[in-house]
PDB file of N, CA and C in Angstrom:
ATOM      1  N   MET A   1      68.947 -52.664 173.776  1.00  0.00           N
ATOM      2  CA  MET A   1      69.793 -52.010 174.775  1.00  0.00           C
ATOM      3  C   MET A   1      68.915 -51.037 175.572  1.00  0.00           C
ATOM      4  N   ASN A   2      69.001 -51.122 176.884  1.00  0.00           N
ATOM      5  CA  ASN A   2      68.175 -50.242 177.712  1.00  0.00           C
ATOM      6  C   ASN A   2      68.865 -48.896 177.941  1.00  0.00           C
ATOM      7  N   GLY A   3      68.165 -47.984 178.581  1.00  0.00           N
ATOM      8  CA  GLY A   3      68.685 -46.630 178.793  1.00  0.00           C
ATOM      9  C   GLY A   3      69.967 -46.596 179.593  1.00  0.00           C
ATOM     10  N   GLU A   4      70.067 -47.466 180.596  1.00  0.00           N
ATOM     11  CA  GLU A   4      71.273 -47.507 181.424  1.00  0.00           C
ATOM     12  C   GLU A   4      72.488 -47.944 180.604  1.00  0.00           C
ATOM     13  N   GLU A   5      72.308 -49.004 179.814  1.00  0.00           N
ATOM     14  CA  GLU A   5      73.408 -49.491 178.973  1.00  0.00           C
ATOM     15  C   GLU A   5      73.840 -48.434 177.964  1.00  0.00           C
ATOM     16  N   GLU A   6      72.868 -47.742 177.390  1.00  0.00           N
ATOM     17  CA  GLU A   6      73.176 -46.685 176.422  1.00  0.00           C
ATOM     18  C   GLU A   6      73.991 -45.570 177.067  1.00  0.00           C
ATOM     19  N   LEU A   7      73.609 -45.181 178.274  1.00  0.00           N
ATOM     20  CA  LEU A   7      74.323 -44.111 178.975  1.00  0.00           C
ATOM     21  C   LEU A   7      75.755 -44.534 179.308  1.00  0.00           C
ATOM     22  N   ILE A   8      75.918 -45.759 179.779  1.00  0.00           N
ATOM     23  CA  ILE A   8      77.262 -46.266 180.085  1.00  0.00           C
ATOM     24  C   ILE A   8      78.106 -46.311 178.820  1.00  0.00           C
ATOM     25  N   ARG A   9      77.539 -46.845 177.750  1.00  0.00           N
ATOM     26  CA  ARG A   9      78.271 -46.955 176.477  1.00  0.00           C
ATOM     27  C   ARG A   9      78.670 -45.569 175.949  1.00  0.00           C
ATOM     28  N   ALA A  10      77.761 -44.611 176.016  1.00  0.00           N
ATOM     29  CA  ALA A  10      78.051 -43.251 175.541  1.00  0.00           C
ATOM     30  C   ALA A  10      79.131 -42.589 176.393  1.00  0.00           C
ATOM     31  N   THR A  11      79.099 -42.825 177.698  1.00  0.00           N
ATOM     32  CA  THR A  11      80.116 -42.252 178.590  1.00  0.00           C
ATOM     33  C   THR A  11      81.489 -42.811 178.256  1.00  0.00           C
ATOM     34  N   ILE A  12      81.573 -44.115 178.096  1.00  0.00           N
ATOM     35  CA  ILE A  12      82.855 -44.745 177.764  1.00  0.00           C
ATOM     36  C   ILE A  12      83.326 -44.289 176.387  1.00  0.00           C
ATOM     37  N   ARG A  13      82.411 -44.214 175.425  1.00  0.00           N
ATOM     38  CA  ARG A  13      82.774 -43.753 174.083  1.00  0.00           C
ATOM     39  C   ARG A  13      83.335 -42.334 174.145  1.00  0.00           C
ATOM     40  N   GLY A  14      82.740 -41.494 174.978  1.00  0.00           N
ATOM     41  CA  GLY A  14      83.212 -40.120 175.126  1.00  0.00           C
ATOM     42  C   GLY A  14      84.596 -40.023 175.740  1.00  0.00           C
ATOM     43  N   LEU A  15      84.963 -41.022 176.526  1.00  0.00           N
ATOM     44  CA  LEU A  15      86.283 -41.027 177.169  1.00  0.00           C
ATOM     45  C   LEU A  15      87.337 -41.791 176.368  1.00  0.00           C
ATOM     46  N   SER A  16      86.953 -42.376 175.247  1.00  0.00           N
ATOM     47  CA  SER A  16      87.867 -43.233 174.479  1.00  0.00           C
ATOM     48  C   SER A  16      89.179 -42.551 174.117  1.00  0.00           C
ATOM     49  N   ARG A  17      89.123 -41.327 173.625  1.00  0.00           N
ATOM     50  CA  ARG A  17      90.350 -40.623 173.226  1.00  0.00           C
ATOM     51  C   ARG A  17      91.256 -40.401 174.431  1.00  0.00           C
ATOM     52  N   ALA A  18      90.656 -40.010 175.555  1.00  0.00           N
ATOM     53  CA  ALA A  18      91.439 -39.784 176.773  1.00  0.00           C
ATOM     54  C   ALA A  18      92.063 -41.089 177.263  1.00  0.00           C
ATOM     55  N   ILE A  19      91.325 -42.186 177.178  1.00  0.00           N
ATOM     56  CA  ILE A  19      91.868 -43.479 177.612  1.00  0.00           C
ATOM     57  C   ILE A  19      93.032 -43.886 176.719  1.00  0.00           C
ATOM     58  N   ILE A  20      92.905 -43.666 175.417  1.00  0.00           N
ATOM     59  CA  ILE A  20      94.005 -43.983 174.497  1.00  0.00           C
ATOM     60  C   ILE A  20      95.238 -43.160 174.847  1.00  0.00           C
ATOM     61  N   LEU A  21      95.068 -41.863 175.063  1.00  0.00           N
ATOM     62  CA  LEU A  21      96.213 -41.017 175.430  1.00  0.00           C
ATOM     63  C   LEU A  21      96.839 -41.490 176.733  1.00  0.00           C
ATOM     64  N   TRP A  22      96.008 -41.843 177.706  1.00  0.00           N
ATOM     65  CA  TRP A  22      96.510 -42.325 178.995  1.00  0.00           C
ATOM     66  C   TRP A  22      97.306 -43.617 178.823  1.00  0.00           C
ATOM     67  N   LEU A  23      96.778 -44.546 178.017  1.00  0.00           N
ATOM     68  CA  LEU A  23      97.504 -45.803 177.776  1.00  0.00           C
ATOM     69  C   LEU A  23      98.853 -45.534 177.123  1.00  0.00           C
ATOM     70  N   LEU A  24      98.870 -44.625 176.145  1.00  0.00           N
ATOM     71  CA  LEU A  24     100.123 -44.323 175.442  1.00  0.00           C
ATOM     72  C   LEU A  24     101.074 -43.508 176.307  1.00  0.00           C
ATOM     73  N   LEU A  25     100.554 -42.817 177.293  1.00  0.00           N
ATOM     74  CA  LEU A  25     101.404 -42.118 178.253  1.00  0.00           C
ATOM     75  C   LEU A  25     102.200 -43.140 179.065  1.00  0.00           C
ATOM     76  N   ARG A  26     101.558 -44.251 179.361  1.00  0.00           N
ATOM     77  CA  ARG A  26     102.209 -45.317 180.131  1.00  0.00           C
ATOM     78  C   ARG A  26     103.250 -46.055 179.293  1.00  0.00           C
ATOM     79  N   GLU A  27     102.904 -46.364 178.029  1.00  0.00           N
ATOM     80  CA  GLU A  27     103.858 -47.010 177.121  1.00  0.00           C
ATOM     81  C   GLU A  27     103.298 -47.034 175.708  1.00  0.00           C
ATOM     82  N   GLY A  28     104.198 -46.989 174.739  1.00  0.00           N
ATOM     83  CA  GLY A  28     103.785 -47.070 173.350  1.00  0.00           C
ATOM     84  C   GLY A  28     103.310 -48.478 173.027  1.00  0.00           C
ATOM     85  N   MET A  29     102.416 -48.584 172.047  1.00  0.00           N
ATOM     86  CA  MET A  29     101.917 -49.906 171.667  1.00  0.00           C
ATOM     87  C   MET A  29     101.253 -49.859 170.303  1.00  0.00           C
ATOM     88  N   SER A  30     100.996 -51.031 169.766  1.00  0.00           N
ATOM     89  CA  SER A  30     100.344 -51.158 168.463  1.00  0.00           C
ATOM     90  C   SER A  30      98.840 -50.926 168.598  1.00  0.00           C
ATOM     91  N   GLY A  31      98.199 -50.703 167.470  1.00  0.00           N
ATOM     92  CA  GLY A  31      96.749 -50.546 167.463  1.00  0.00           C
ATOM     93  C   GLY A  31      96.045 -51.799 167.948  1.00  0.00           C
ATOM     94  N   TYR A  32      96.580 -52.956 167.590  1.00  0.00           N
ATOM     95  CA  TYR A  32      96.003 -54.224 168.037  1.00  0.00           C
ATOM     96  C   TYR A  32      96.033 -54.314 169.562  1.00  0.00           C
ATOM     97  N   ARG A  33      97.175 -53.979 170.133  1.00  0.00           N
ATOM     98  CA  ARG A  33      97.293 -54.034 171.597  1.00  0.00           C
ATOM     99  C   ARG A  33      96.403 -52.982 172.264  1.00  0.00           C
ATOM    100  N   LEU A  34      96.313 -51.789 171.665  1.00  0.00           N
ATOM    101  CA  LEU A  34      95.410 -50.760 172.199  1.00  0.00           C
ATOM    102  C   LEU A  34      93.966 -51.264 172.220  1.00  0.00           C
ATOM    103  N   THR A  35      93.570 -51.961 171.163  1.00  0.00           N
ATOM    104  CA  THR A  35      92.219 -52.521 171.104  1.00  0.00           C
ATOM    105  C   THR A  35      91.997 -53.488 172.262  1.00  0.00           C
ATOM    106  N   LYS A  36      92.968 -54.374 172.488  1.00  0.00           N
ATOM    107  CA  LYS A  36      92.861 -55.335 173.593  1.00  0.00           C
ATOM    108  C   LYS A  36      92.822 -54.631 174.950  1.00  0.00           C
ATOM    109  N   GLU A  37      93.660 -53.614 175.128  1.00  0.00           N
ATOM    110  CA  GLU A  37      93.697 -52.877 176.400  1.00  0.00           C
ATOM    111  C   GLU A  37      92.392 -52.123 176.642  1.00  0.00           C
ATOM    112  N   MET A  38      91.836 -51.536 175.590  1.00  0.00           N
ATOM    113  CA  MET A  38      90.563 -50.821 175.731  1.00  0.00           C
ATOM    114  C   MET A  38      89.461 -51.787 176.164  1.00  0.00           C
ATOM    115  N   ARG A  39      89.449 -52.978 175.574  1.00  0.00           N
ATOM    116  CA  ARG A  39      88.462 -53.994 175.972  1.00  0.00           C
ATOM    117  C   ARG A  39      88.648 -54.366 177.439  1.00  0.00           C
ATOM    118  N   ARG A  40      89.899 -54.582 177.828  1.00  0.00           N
ATOM    119  CA  ARG A  40      90.199 -55.009 179.196  1.00  0.00           C
ATOM    120  C   ARG A  40      89.784 -53.936 180.210  1.00  0.00           C
ATOM    121  N   ILE A  41      90.135 -52.688 179.934  1.00  0.00           N
ATOM    122  CA  ILE A  41      89.882 -51.597 180.876  1.00  0.00           C
ATOM    123  C   ILE A  41      88.396 -51.254 180.979  1.00  0.00           C
ATOM    124  N   THR A  42      87.732 -51.183 179.844  1.00  0.00           N
ATOM    125  CA  THR A  42      86.338 -50.727 179.847  1.00  0.00           C
ATOM    126  C   THR A  42      85.327 -51.857 179.991  1.00  0.00           C
ATOM    127  N   GLY A  43      85.743 -53.065 179.636  1.00  0.00           N
ATOM    128  CA  GLY A  43      84.798 -54.176 179.641  1.00  0.00           C
ATOM    129  C   GLY A  43      83.831 -54.128 178.470  1.00  0.00           C
ATOM    130  N   HIS A  44      84.115 -53.266 177.499  1.00  0.00           N
ATOM    131  CA  HIS A  44      83.255 -53.134 176.325  1.00  0.00           C
ATOM    132  C   HIS A  44      83.975 -53.651 175.088  1.00  0.00           C
ATOM    133  N   PRO A  45      83.218 -54.162 174.121  1.00  0.00           N
ATOM    134  CA  PRO A  45      83.808 -54.822 172.955  1.00  0.00           C
ATOM    135  C   PRO A  45      84.344 -53.848 171.900  1.00  0.00           C
ATOM    136  N   TYR A  46      85.503 -53.279 172.157  1.00  0.00           N
ATOM    137  CA  TYR A  46      86.133 -52.421 171.150  1.00  0.00           C
ATOM    138  C   TYR A  46      86.625 -53.281 169.999  1.00  0.00           C
ATOM    139  N   THR A  47      86.478 -52.758 168.800  1.00  0.00           N
ATOM    140  CA  THR A  47      86.943 -53.457 167.599  1.00  0.00           C
ATOM    141  C   THR A  47      87.958 -52.570 166.895  1.00  0.00           C
ATOM    142  N   PRO A  48      88.755 -53.153 165.999  1.00  0.00           N
ATOM    143  CA  PRO A  48      89.664 -52.315 165.215  1.00  0.00           C
ATOM    144  C   PRO A  48      88.911 -51.210 164.466  1.00  0.00           C
ATOM    145  N   GLY A  49      87.699 -51.514 164.007  1.00  0.00           N
ATOM    146  CA  GLY A  49      86.896 -50.518 163.300  1.00  0.00           C
ATOM    147  C   GLY A  49      86.510 -49.327 164.160  1.00  0.00           C
ATOM    148  N   ALA A  50      86.526 -49.506 165.468  1.00  0.00           N
ATOM    149  CA  ALA A  50      86.239 -48.400 166.386  1.00  0.00           C
ATOM    150  C   ALA A  50      87.516 -47.685 166.807  1.00  0.00           C
ATOM    151  N   ILE A  51      88.604 -48.427 166.972  1.00  0.00           N
ATOM    152  CA  ILE A  51      89.856 -47.857 167.484  1.00  0.00           C
ATOM    153  C   ILE A  51      90.632 -47.091 166.422  1.00  0.00           C
ATOM    154  N   TYR A  52      90.787 -47.674 165.232  1.00  0.00           N
ATOM    155  CA  TYR A  52      91.662 -47.041 164.243  1.00  0.00           C
ATOM    156  C   TYR A  52      91.215 -45.648 163.808  1.00  0.00           C
ATOM    157  N   PRO A  53      89.932 -45.376 163.626  1.00  0.00           N
ATOM    158  CA  PRO A  53      89.550 -43.989 163.323  1.00  0.00           C
ATOM    159  C   PRO A  53      89.960 -43.011 164.431  1.00  0.00           C
ATOM    160  N   LEU A  54      89.883 -43.457 165.691  1.00  0.00           N
ATOM    161  CA  LEU A  54      90.318 -42.600 166.801  1.00  0.00           C
ATOM    162  C   LEU A  54      91.827 -42.369 166.739  1.00  0.00           C
ATOM    163  N   LEU A  55      92.576 -43.416 166.421  1.00  0.00           N
ATOM    164  CA  LEU A  55      94.031 -43.275 166.307  1.00  0.00           C
ATOM    165  C   LEU A  55      94.394 -42.319 165.177  1.00  0.00           C
ATOM    166  N   TYR A  56      93.722 -42.450 164.033  1.00  0.00           N
ATOM    167  CA  TYR A  56      94.000 -41.546 162.907  1.00  0.00           C
ATOM    168  C   TYR A  56      93.673 -40.103 163.278  1.00  0.00           C
ATOM    169  N   GLU A  57      92.567 -39.909 163.984  1.00  0.00           N
ATOM    170  CA  GLU A  57      92.189 -38.560 164.424  1.00  0.00           C
ATOM    171  C   GLU A  57      93.243 -37.981 165.373  1.00  0.00           C
ATOM    172  N   LEU A  58      93.673 -38.767 166.359  1.00  0.00           N
ATOM    173  CA  LEU A  58      94.685 -38.298 167.310  1.00  0.00           C
ATOM    174  C   LEU A  58      96.014 -38.032 166.617  1.00  0.00           C
ATOM    175  N   GLU A  59      96.313 -38.823 165.588  1.00  0.00           N
ATOM    176  CA  GLU A  59      97.533 -38.591 164.801  1.00  0.00           C
ATOM    177  C   GLU A  59      97.428 -37.281 164.021  1.00  0.00           C
ATOM    178  N   ARG A  60      96.288 -37.055 163.372  1.00  0.00           N
ATOM    179  CA  ARG A  60      96.086 -35.811 162.611  1.00  0.00           C
ATOM    180  C   ARG A  60      96.220 -34.589 163.511  1.00  0.00           C
ATOM    181  N   LYS A  61      95.772 -34.723 164.749  1.00  0.00           N
ATOM    182  CA  LYS A  61      95.854 -33.615 165.702  1.00  0.00           C
ATOM    183  C   LYS A  61      97.226 -33.527 166.369  1.00  0.00           C
ATOM    184  N   ARG A  62      98.123 -34.423 165.967  1.00  0.00           N
ATOM    185  CA  ARG A  62      99.506 -34.474 166.468  1.00  0.00           C
ATOM    186  C   ARG A  62      99.588 -34.737 167.977  1.00  0.00           C
ATOM    187  N   LEU A  63      98.622 -35.488 168.483  1.00  0.00           N
ATOM    188  CA  LEU A  63      98.639 -35.864 169.894  1.00  0.00           C
ATOM    189  C   LEU A  63      99.347 -37.203 170.090  1.00  0.00           C
ATOM    190  N   ILE A  64      99.369 -37.991 169.021  1.00  0.00           N
ATOM    191  CA  ILE A  64     100.123 -39.243 169.017  1.00  0.00           C
ATOM    192  C   ILE A  64     100.878 -39.335 167.699  1.00  0.00           C
ATOM    193  N   ILE A  65     101.845 -40.219 167.664  1.00  0.00           N
ATOM    194  CA  ILE A  65     102.582 -40.462 166.427  1.00  0.00           C
ATOM    195  C   ILE A  65     102.634 -41.967 166.205  1.00  0.00           C
ATOM    196  N   GLY A  66     102.410 -42.371 164.965  1.00  0.00           N
ATOM    197  CA  GLY A  66     102.488 -43.782 164.604  1.00  0.00           C
ATOM    198  C   GLY A  66     103.695 -44.005 163.714  1.00  0.00           C
ATOM    199  N   GLU A  67     104.493 -44.988 164.072  1.00  0.00           N
ATOM    200  CA  GLU A  67     105.687 -45.315 163.288  1.00  0.00           C
ATOM    201  C   GLU A  67     105.624 -46.781 162.885  1.00  0.00           C
ATOM    202  N   TRP A  68     105.887 -47.029 161.607  1.00  0.00           N
ATOM    203  CA  TRP A  68     105.889 -48.399 161.122  1.00  0.00           C
ATOM    204  C   TRP A  68     107.167 -49.091 161.574  1.00  0.00           C
ATOM    205  N   ILE A  69     107.017 -50.283 162.147  1.00  0.00           N
ATOM    206  CA  ILE A  69     108.183 -51.067 162.550  1.00  0.00           C
ATOM    207  C   ILE A  69     108.044 -52.482 161.979  1.00  0.00           C
ATOM    208  N   GLN A  70     109.179 -53.098 161.750  1.00  0.00           N
ATOM    209  CA  GLN A  70     109.202 -54.463 161.240  1.00  0.00           C
ATOM    210  C   GLN A  70     109.213 -55.423 162.422  1.00  0.00           C
ATOM    211  N   LYS A  71     108.299 -56.360 162.424  1.00  0.00           N
ATOM    212  CA  LYS A  71     108.248 -57.374 163.478  1.00  0.00           C
ATOM    213  C   LYS A  71     108.183 -58.727 162.778  1.00  0.00           C
ATOM    214  N   GLY A  72     109.349 -59.366 162.686  1.00  0.00           N
ATOM    215  CA  GLY A  72     109.418 -60.597 161.905  1.00  0.00           C
ATOM    216  C   GLY A  72     109.194 -60.256 160.447  1.00  0.00           C
ATOM    217  N   ARG A  73     108.249 -60.919 159.826  1.00  0.00           N
ATOM    218  CA  ARG A  73     107.929 -60.641 158.416  1.00  0.00           C
ATOM    219  C   ARG A  73     106.859 -59.572 158.268  1.00  0.00           C
ATOM    220  N   ARG A  74     106.269 -59.195 159.380  1.00  0.00           N
ATOM    221  CA  ARG A  74     105.162 -58.238 159.328  1.00  0.00           C
ATOM    222  C   ARG A  74     105.612 -56.840 159.710  1.00  0.00           C
ATOM    223  N   LYS A  75     104.907 -55.869 159.144  1.00  0.00           N
ATOM    224  CA  LYS A  75     105.079 -54.479 159.572  1.00  0.00           C
ATOM    225  C   LYS A  75     103.862 -54.125 160.410  1.00  0.00           C
ATOM    226  N   LEU A  76     104.118 -53.423 161.513  1.00  0.00           N
ATOM    227  CA  LEU A  76     102.993 -52.942 162.297  1.00  0.00           C
ATOM    228  C   LEU A  76     103.268 -51.519 162.735  1.00  0.00           C
ATOM    229  N   LYS A  77     102.194 -50.815 162.996  1.00  0.00           N
ATOM    230  CA  LYS A  77     102.305 -49.419 163.387  1.00  0.00           C
ATOM    231  C   LYS A  77     102.332 -49.342 164.904  1.00  0.00           C
ATOM    232  N   HIS A  78     103.382 -48.722 165.406  1.00  0.00           N
ATOM    233  CA  HIS A  78     103.580 -48.566 166.847  1.00  0.00           C
ATOM    234  C   HIS A  78     103.272 -47.113 167.190  1.00  0.00           C
ATOM    235  N   TYR A  79     102.345 -46.920 168.118  1.00  0.00           N
ATOM    236  CA  TYR A  79     101.902 -45.576 168.481  1.00  0.00           C
ATOM    237  C   TYR A  79     102.542 -45.130 169.787  1.00  0.00           C
ATOM    238  N   SER A  80     102.858 -43.839 169.849  1.00  0.00           N
ATOM    239  CA  SER A  80     103.352 -43.242 171.091  1.00  0.00           C
ATOM    240  C   SER A  80     102.771 -41.835 171.206  1.00  0.00           C
ATOM    241  N   ILE A  81     102.756 -41.334 172.422  1.00  0.00           N
ATOM    242  CA  ILE A  81     102.178 -40.018 172.683  1.00  0.00           C
ATOM    243  C   ILE A  81     103.223 -38.939 172.390  1.00  0.00           C
ATOM    244  N   THR A  82     102.774 -37.806 171.881  1.00  0.00           N
ATOM    245  CA  THR A  82     103.672 -36.678 171.619  1.00  0.00           C
ATOM    246  C   THR A  82     103.673 -35.750 172.835  1.00  0.00           C
ATOM    247  N   GLU A  83     104.540 -34.767 172.797  1.00  0.00           N
ATOM    248  CA  GLU A  83     104.576 -33.780 173.883  1.00  0.00           C
ATOM    249  C   GLU A  83     103.237 -33.044 173.972  1.00  0.00           C
ATOM    250  N   GLU A  84     102.658 -32.727 172.824  1.00  0.00           N
ATOM    251  CA  GLU A  84     101.342 -32.066 172.813  1.00  0.00           C
ATOM    252  C   GLU A  84     100.280 -32.985 173.414  1.00  0.00           C
ATOM    253  N   GLY A  85     100.365 -34.274 173.111  1.00  0.00           N
ATOM    254  CA  GLY A  85      99.439 -35.245 173.685  1.00  0.00           C
ATOM    255  C   GLY A  85      99.567 -35.322 175.195  1.00  0.00           C
ATOM    256  N   ARG A  86     100.808 -35.220 175.687  1.00  0.00           N
ATOM    257  CA  ARG A  86     101.037 -35.219 177.143  1.00  0.00           C
ATOM    258  C   ARG A  86     100.366 -34.012 177.794  1.00  0.00           C
ATOM    259  N   LYS A  87     100.477 -32.860 177.139  1.00  0.00           N
ATOM    260  CA  LYS A  87      99.837 -31.655 177.675  1.00  0.00           C
ATOM    261  C   LYS A  87      98.324 -31.829 177.724  1.00  0.00           C
ATOM    262  N   VAL A  88      97.777 -32.379 176.641  1.00  0.00           N
ATOM    263  CA  VAL A  88      96.321 -32.552 176.564  1.00  0.00           C
ATOM    264  C   VAL A  88      95.826 -33.512 177.643  1.00  0.00           C
ATOM    265  N   ILE A  89      96.499 -34.653 177.829  1.00  0.00           N
ATOM    266  CA  ILE A  89      96.032 -35.614 178.838  1.00  0.00           C
ATOM    267  C   ILE A  89      96.163 -35.021 180.240  1.00  0.00           C
ATOM    268  N   ASN A  90      97.176 -34.208 180.469  1.00  0.00           N
ATOM    269  CA  ASN A  90      97.289 -33.537 181.771  1.00  0.00           C
ATOM    270  C   ASN A  90      96.164 -32.533 181.976  1.00  0.00           C
ATOM    271  N   ASN A  91      95.785 -31.820 180.914  1.00  0.00           N
ATOM    272  CA  ASN A  91      94.655 -30.888 181.008  1.00  0.00           C
ATOM    273  C   ASN A  91      93.340 -31.633 181.242  1.00  0.00           C
ATOM    274  N   ILE A  92      93.184 -32.769 180.580  1.00  0.00           N
ATOM    275  CA  ILE A  92      91.982 -33.587 180.787  1.00  0.00           C
ATOM    276  C   ILE A  92      91.932 -34.060 182.237  1.00  0.00           C
ATOM    277  N   ARG A  93      93.064 -34.521 182.734  1.00  0.00           N
ATOM    278  CA  ARG A  93      93.136 -34.979 184.129  1.00  0.00           C
ATOM    279  C   ARG A  93      92.706 -33.852 185.071  1.00  0.00           C
ATOM    280  N   GLY A  94      93.221 -32.658 184.845  1.00  0.00           N
ATOM    281  CA  GLY A  94      92.867 -31.518 185.688  1.00  0.00           C
ATOM    282  C   GLY A  94      91.391 -31.169 185.608  1.00  0.00           C
ATOM    283  N   ALA A  95      90.829 -31.253 184.401  1.00  0.00           N
ATOM    284  CA  ALA A  95      89.419 -30.904 184.213  1.00  0.00           C
ATOM    285  C   ALA A  95      88.475 -31.935 184.824  1.00  0.00           C
ATOM    286  N   LEU A  96      88.878 -33.200 184.834  1.00  0.00           N
ATOM    287  CA  LEU A  96      87.993 -34.265 185.320  1.00  0.00           C
ATOM    288  C   LEU A  96      88.189 -34.626 186.785  1.00  0.00           C
ATOM    289  N   GLU A  97      89.329 -34.278 187.329  1.00  0.00           N
ATOM    290  CA  GLU A  97      89.675 -34.748 188.669  1.00  0.00           C
ATOM    291  C   GLU A  97      88.608 -34.416 189.720  1.00  0.00           C
ATOM    292  N   LYS A  98      88.257 -33.154 189.855  1.00  0.00           N
ATOM    293  CA  LYS A  98      87.302 -32.757 190.898  1.00  0.00           C
ATOM    294  C   LYS A  98      85.897 -33.295 190.632  1.00  0.00           C
ATOM    295  N   PRO A  99      85.333 -33.099 189.425  1.00  0.00           N
ATOM    296  CA  PRO A  99      83.966 -33.592 189.232  1.00  0.00           C
ATOM    297  C   PRO A  99      83.840 -35.109 189.404  1.00  0.00           C
ATOM    298  N   VAL A 100      84.803 -35.860 188.901  1.00  0.00           N
ATOM    299  CA  VAL A 100      84.725 -37.319 189.021  1.00  0.00           C
ATOM    300  C   VAL A 100      84.907 -37.743 190.477  1.00  0.00           C
ATOM    301  N   LYS A 101      85.852 -37.117 191.151  1.00  0.00           N
ATOM    302  CA  LYS A 101      86.078 -37.419 192.570  1.00  0.00           C
ATOM    303  C   LYS A 101      84.810 -37.129 193.380  1.00  0.00           C
ATOM    304  N   ASP A 102      84.199 -35.967 193.146  1.00  0.00           N
ATOM    305  CA  ASP A 102      82.968 -35.601 193.857  1.00  0.00           C
ATOM    306  C   ASP A 102      81.841 -36.588 193.546  1.00  0.00           C
ATOM    307  N   LEU A 103      81.701 -36.958 192.291  1.00  0.00           N
ATOM    308  CA  LEU A 103      80.663 -37.899 191.884  1.00  0.00           C
ATOM    309  C   LEU A 103      80.848 -39.240 192.587  1.00  0.00           C
ATOM    310  N   LEU A 104      82.071 -39.756 192.566  1.00  0.00           N
ATOM    311  CA  LEU A 104      82.335 -41.050 193.197  1.00  0.00           C
ATOM    312  C   LEU A 104      82.126 -40.998 194.705  1.00  0.00           C
ATOM    313  N   MET A 105      82.506 -39.885 195.320  1.00  0.00           N
ATOM    314  CA  MET A 105      82.294 -39.736 196.771  1.00  0.00           C
ATOM    315  C   MET A 105      80.795 -39.743 197.084  1.00  0.00           C
ATOM    316  N   ASP A 106      80.011 -39.008 196.288  1.00  0.00           N
ATOM    317  CA  ASP A 106      78.564 -38.965 196.513  1.00  0.00           C
ATOM    318  C   ASP A 106      77.929 -40.345 196.326  1.00  0.00           C
ATOM    319  N   LEU A 107      78.410 -41.089 195.355  1.00  0.00           N
ATOM    320  CA  LEU A 107      77.827 -42.401 195.073  1.00  0.00           C
ATOM    321  C   LEU A 107      78.170 -43.437 196.134  1.00  0.00           C
ATOM    322  N   THR A 108      79.262 -43.228 196.849  1.00  0.00           N
ATOM    323  CA  THR A 108      79.660 -44.204 197.865  1.00  0.00           C
ATOM    324  C   THR A 108      79.066 -43.898 199.234  1.00  0.00           C
ATOM    325  N   GLU A 109      78.417 -42.769 199.379  1.00  0.00           N
ATOM    326  CA  GLU A 109      77.818 -42.403 200.679  1.00  0.00           C
ATOM    327  C   GLU A 109      76.478 -43.049 200.872  1.00  0.00           C
TER     328      GLU A 109
END
């Protein structure tokens, strides 16, 4: 992996928690679906082994809540964002809005 790929991967990894909160702000979903959405959005190969520790961390911090639901014969954990999680993602949005906007504007000139 070259330096550019490493930097891109580290940047996306650093935003993973925020992306999860943003996805759950839009709608609740299972860990499996979150894994698929993370792959789709970032273009990087997220695995359950990468996603579930983040989900457990966000749950411990009470930013998301996971509830077991029955789906056919299987039980799966459905995640949704909490009120505290909504506050955090709004604060993240506020903190990133100007620097990211400025960066993108500079890169397009």
